[in-house]
Amino acid sequence: MKPMLIAFVVAGLIAFGADYGLDYAGFTSQERTAGAAVRLD
């Protein structure tokens, strides 16, 4: 049971870390799909 809980915590940390890292690197869905003629607020 303990290894499964540790795996869940690690998976959550990886998910939040990947979300933050991709936003920081400029890989948000708005930046990837919007062209130069689109105004984003």
N, C-alpha and C. Protein backbone atom coordinates (compact mmCIF):
# COMPACT_ATOMS: atom_id res chain seq x y z
N MET A 1 0.82 -1.19 0.00
CA MET A 1 0.00 0.00 0.00
C MET A 1 0.87 1.26 0.00
N LYS A 2 1.96 1.22 0.77
CA LYS A 2 2.83 2.39 0.86
C LYS A 2 3.47 2.74 -0.49
N PRO A 3 3.99 1.76 -1.25
CA PRO A 3 4.56 2.11 -2.55
C PRO A 3 3.53 2.72 -3.52
N MET A 4 2.29 2.28 -3.44
CA MET A 4 1.26 2.82 -4.32
C MET A 4 0.98 4.29 -3.96
N LEU A 5 0.92 4.61 -2.69
CA LEU A 5 0.70 6.00 -2.28
C LEU A 5 1.87 6.89 -2.70
N ILE A 6 3.08 6.37 -2.56
CA ILE A 6 4.26 7.13 -2.99
C ILE A 6 4.21 7.36 -4.50
N ALA A 7 3.78 6.35 -5.26
CA ALA A 7 3.67 6.49 -6.71
C ALA A 7 2.63 7.54 -7.08
N PHE A 8 1.50 7.59 -6.36
CA PHE A 8 0.50 8.62 -6.63
C PHE A 8 1.04 10.02 -6.36
N VAL A 9 1.76 10.17 -5.28
CA VAL A 9 2.34 11.48 -4.95
C VAL A 9 3.36 11.89 -5.99
N VAL A 10 4.21 10.96 -6.40
CA VAL A 10 5.23 11.26 -7.42
C VAL A 10 4.57 11.60 -8.75
N ALA A 11 3.52 10.87 -9.12
CA ALA A 11 2.81 11.16 -10.37
C ALA A 11 2.20 12.56 -10.32
N GLY A 12 1.64 12.94 -9.19
CA GLY A 12 1.09 14.29 -9.04
C GLY A 12 2.16 15.35 -9.15
N LEU A 13 3.31 15.12 -8.53
CA LEU A 13 4.41 16.09 -8.62
C LEU A 13 4.92 16.22 -10.05
N ILE A 14 5.01 15.10 -10.76
CA ILE A 14 5.45 15.15 -12.16
C ILE A 14 4.44 15.92 -13.00
N ALA A 15 3.15 15.71 -12.75
CA ALA A 15 2.11 16.40 -13.53
C ALA A 15 2.17 17.91 -13.30
N PHE A 16 2.26 18.32 -12.04
CA PHE A 16 2.33 19.76 -11.76
C PHE A 16 3.64 20.36 -12.26
N GLY A 17 4.72 19.62 -12.15
CA GLY A 17 6.01 20.11 -12.65
C GLY A 17 6.00 20.26 -14.17
N ALA A 18 5.40 19.31 -14.86
CA ALA A 18 5.32 19.38 -16.32
C ALA A 18 4.44 20.56 -16.76
N ASP A 19 3.33 20.77 -16.05
CA ASP A 19 2.45 21.89 -16.37
C ASP A 19 3.18 23.21 -16.21
N TYR A 20 3.87 23.38 -15.11
CA TYR A 20 4.62 24.62 -14.87
C TYR A 20 5.75 24.77 -15.89
N GLY A 21 6.47 23.69 -16.14
CA GLY A 21 7.60 23.76 -17.06
C GLY A 21 7.17 24.09 -18.48
N LEU A 22 6.07 23.49 -18.95
CA LEU A 22 5.60 23.77 -20.31
C LEU A 22 5.06 25.19 -20.43
N ASP A 23 4.38 25.69 -19.39
CA ASP A 23 3.93 27.09 -19.43
C ASP A 23 5.12 28.04 -19.46
N TYR A 24 6.14 27.74 -18.70
CA TYR A 24 7.34 28.59 -18.64
C TYR A 24 8.09 28.56 -19.97
N ALA A 25 8.06 27.42 -20.65
CA ALA A 25 8.80 27.27 -21.90
C ALA A 25 8.03 27.82 -23.11
N GLY A 26 6.78 28.24 -22.92
CA GLY A 26 6.01 28.81 -24.02
C GLY A 26 5.21 27.80 -24.80
N PHE A 27 4.83 26.71 -24.19
CA PHE A 27 4.08 25.67 -24.89
C PHE A 27 2.62 25.64 -24.44
N THR A 28 2.03 26.80 -24.14
CA THR A 28 0.61 26.81 -23.81
C THR A 28 -0.20 26.62 -25.08
N SER A 29 -1.43 26.18 -24.94
CA SER A 29 -2.25 25.92 -26.12
C SER A 29 -2.53 27.21 -26.89
N GLN A 30 -2.65 28.33 -26.21
CA GLN A 30 -2.87 29.60 -26.89
C GLN A 30 -1.67 29.99 -27.73
N GLU A 31 -0.48 29.82 -27.18
CA GLU A 31 0.72 30.20 -27.93
C GLU A 31 1.00 29.25 -29.09
N ARG A 32 0.62 27.99 -28.98
CA ARG A 32 0.91 27.01 -30.01
C ARG A 32 -0.09 27.06 -31.15
N THR A 33 -1.36 27.50 -30.91
CA THR A 33 -2.37 27.44 -31.95
C THR A 33 -2.75 28.81 -32.53
N ALA A 34 -2.33 29.88 -31.91
CA ALA A 34 -2.69 31.21 -32.39
C ALA A 34 -1.66 31.71 -33.41
N GLY A 35 -2.16 32.30 -34.47
CA GLY A 35 -1.27 32.87 -35.47
C GLY A 35 -0.96 34.33 -35.15
N ALA A 36 -0.23 34.97 -36.03
CA ALA A 36 0.18 36.36 -35.81
C ALA A 36 -1.02 37.31 -35.93
N ALA A 37 -2.07 36.90 -36.65
CA ALA A 37 -3.22 37.77 -36.86
C ALA A 37 -4.28 37.66 -35.75
N VAL A 38 -3.98 36.93 -34.70
CA VAL A 38 -4.95 36.72 -33.62
C VAL A 38 -4.53 37.58 -32.43
N ARG A 39 -5.51 38.33 -31.90
CA ARG A 39 -5.25 39.14 -30.71
C ARG A 39 -5.70 38.37 -29.48
N LEU A 40 -4.79 38.12 -28.57
CA LEU A 40 -5.12 37.46 -27.31
C LEU A 40 -5.00 38.48 -26.19
N ASP A 41 -5.95 38.44 -25.28
CA ASP A 41 -5.91 39.40 -24.16
C ASP A 41 -4.99 38.96 -23.07
